[in-house]
Protein backbone atom coordinates (compact mmCIF):
# COMPACT_ATOMS: atom_id res chain seq x y z
CA UNK A 1 -4.53 11.55 -36.33
CA UNK A 2 -2.77 12.77 -33.16
CA UNK A 3 -0.50 10.12 -31.62
CA UNK A 4 1.20 9.44 -28.30
CA UNK A 5 4.08 7.18 -29.12
CA UNK A 6 4.92 4.38 -26.62
CA UNK A 7 8.47 3.10 -26.22
CA UNK A 8 7.59 -0.40 -27.47
CA UNK A 9 6.47 0.86 -30.91
CA UNK A 10 9.39 3.31 -31.11
CA UNK A 11 11.86 0.54 -30.37
CA UNK A 12 10.47 -1.71 -33.02
CA UNK A 13 10.75 1.15 -35.52
CA UNK A 14 14.35 2.13 -34.82
CA UNK A 15 15.71 -1.38 -34.31
CA UNK A 16 13.89 -2.69 -37.34
CA UNK A 17 11.79 -5.33 -35.53
CA UNK A 18 8.35 -6.27 -36.77
CA UNK A 19 6.11 -4.34 -37.32
CA UNK A 20 8.56 -1.46 -37.94
CA UNK A 21 7.07 -0.46 -41.32
CA UNK A 22 3.59 -0.35 -39.82
CA UNK A 23 4.69 1.85 -36.97
CA UNK A 24 6.47 4.25 -39.32
CA UNK A 25 3.43 4.37 -41.56
CA UNK A 26 1.19 5.43 -38.67
CA UNK A 27 3.75 8.05 -37.61
CA UNK A 28 4.02 9.42 -41.20
CA UNK A 29 0.29 10.05 -41.24
CA UNK A 30 0.13 11.63 -37.76
CA UNK A 31 -0.57 15.31 -37.43
CA UNK A 32 1.53 15.43 -34.24
CA UNK A 33 3.52 12.87 -32.28
CA UNK A 34 3.86 13.25 -28.45
CA UNK A 35 5.26 11.16 -25.62
CA UNK A 36 5.73 11.67 -21.87
CA UNK A 37 9.34 12.73 -21.16
CA UNK A 38 9.93 9.35 -19.48
CA UNK A 39 9.95 8.00 -23.10
CA UNK A 40 13.69 8.94 -23.44
CA UNK A 41 14.76 6.81 -20.52
CA UNK A 42 12.43 3.92 -21.53
CA UNK A 43 13.96 3.92 -25.03
CA UNK A 44 17.51 4.06 -23.60
CA UNK A 45 16.79 1.19 -21.23
CA UNK A 46 15.34 -0.88 -24.06
CA UNK A 47 18.36 -0.24 -26.24
CA UNK A 48 20.58 -1.16 -23.35
CA UNK A 49 18.92 -4.53 -23.29
CA UNK A 50 19.76 -5.06 -26.96
CA UNK A 51 23.36 -4.13 -26.28
CA UNK A 52 23.49 -6.52 -23.30
CA UNK A 53 22.13 -9.29 -25.43
CA UNK A 54 24.79 -8.61 -28.04
CA UNK A 55 22.22 -7.61 -30.70
CA UNK A 56 23.45 -4.01 -30.98
CA UNK A 57 26.75 -2.24 -30.34
CA UNK A 58 26.91 0.78 -28.13
CA UNK A 59 27.28 3.01 -31.19
CA UNK A 60 24.30 1.44 -32.87
CA UNK A 61 22.25 1.93 -29.71
CA UNK A 62 23.25 5.53 -29.53
CA UNK A 63 22.21 6.13 -33.15
CA UNK A 64 18.91 4.30 -32.45
CA UNK A 65 18.24 6.44 -29.39
CA UNK A 66 18.66 9.66 -31.48
CA UNK A 67 16.35 8.21 -34.15
CA UNK A 68 13.71 7.30 -31.56
CA UNK A 69 13.80 10.77 -30.07
CA UNK A 70 13.46 12.32 -33.51
CA UNK A 71 10.16 10.43 -33.98
CA UNK A 72 8.58 12.62 -31.25
CA UNK A 73 7.66 16.27 -31.84
CA UNK A 74 6.97 17.13 -28.26
CA UNK A 75 7.72 15.61 -24.86
CA UNK A 76 5.12 16.06 -22.18
CA UNK A 77 6.61 16.66 -18.71
CA UNK A 78 5.97 13.67 -16.46
CA UNK A 79 5.62 16.08 -13.58
CA UNK A 80 2.42 17.37 -15.09
CA UNK A 81 1.08 13.83 -15.41
CA UNK A 82 2.25 12.21 -12.21
CA UNK A 83 -0.63 12.96 -9.82
CA UNK A 84 -3.33 11.92 -12.28
CA UNK A 85 -1.27 8.88 -13.33
CA UNK A 86 -0.90 7.80 -9.73
CA UNK A 87 -4.70 8.11 -9.12
CA UNK A 88 -5.48 6.07 -12.27
CA UNK A 89 -2.74 3.53 -11.62
CA UNK A 90 -4.27 2.91 -8.18
CA UNK A 91 -7.73 2.67 -9.77
CA UNK A 92 -6.69 0.34 -12.62
CA UNK A 93 -3.97 -1.49 -10.70
CA UNK A 94 -1.44 -0.81 -13.41
CA UNK A 95 2.10 0.70 -13.58
CA UNK A 96 2.34 4.49 -13.31
CA UNK A 97 4.66 4.77 -16.27
CA UNK A 98 1.93 3.18 -18.50
CA UNK A 99 -0.55 5.53 -17.10
CA UNK A 100 1.61 8.49 -18.11
CA UNK A 101 1.17 7.52 -21.69
CA UNK A 102 -2.62 7.08 -21.20
CA UNK A 103 -3.03 10.40 -19.37
CA UNK A 104 -1.02 12.25 -22.02
CA UNK A 105 -3.20 10.79 -24.76
CA UNK A 106 -6.44 11.53 -22.94
CA UNK A 107 -5.43 15.19 -22.26
CA UNK A 108 -4.10 15.74 -25.73
CA UNK A 109 -6.93 13.94 -27.62
CA UNK A 110 -4.56 11.33 -29.13
CA UNK A 111 -4.51 7.72 -29.86
CA UNK A 112 -1.64 5.67 -28.41
CA UNK A 113 0.70 3.81 -30.74
CA UNK A 114 1.94 0.84 -28.75
CA UNK A 115 2.87 -2.83 -29.23
CA UNK A 116 2.41 -3.53 -25.52
CA UNK A 117 -0.63 -5.80 -25.19
CA UNK A 118 -1.11 -5.04 -21.52
CA UNK A 119 -1.07 -1.35 -22.22
CA UNK A 120 -3.55 -1.82 -25.14
CA UNK A 121 -5.95 -3.57 -22.77
CA UNK A 122 -5.62 -0.82 -20.26
CA UNK A 123 -6.30 1.90 -22.88
CA UNK A 124 -9.44 0.04 -24.05
CA UNK A 125 -10.74 -0.05 -20.47
CA UNK A 126 -10.07 3.68 -20.17
CA UNK A 127 -11.71 4.47 -23.51
CA UNK A 128 -8.54 5.78 -25.04
CA UNK A 129 -8.00 4.88 -28.69
CA UNK A 130 -5.17 2.54 -29.70
CA UNK A 131 -3.68 3.43 -33.10
CA UNK A 132 -4.05 0.56 -35.48
CA UNK A 133 -1.02 -0.84 -37.33
CA UNK A 134 -1.77 -2.14 -40.80
CA UNK A 135 -0.48 -5.61 -41.43
CA UNK A 136 1.64 -5.95 -44.61
């Protein structure tokens, strides 16, 4: 299976939050893992929130950022997705950054691996597959 990895799933995997094992299992079976290049800043922002909450140190966050980036084989330039993402965001009344993941998946013939329920709902409306995470 070809996967577009969303920041929510990657954060769970690298921080060890549930369902980290399920996310890693899906990634291990993927033939390729992609993400829009905004993935890096979304991961960094999420890790900053863990640091701000006192759940991670700065060094731990830095290590986790490297680990998250290592989960992705290829970053898709957001500049190549932005126009279509904007059109779809207007149509679906949803955030452009979410649409970047959806458009990348649609173009690349991928399922999206995400823990974000709102994004899952959007993907279903758009007919884009959501990668299933097996429960332990």
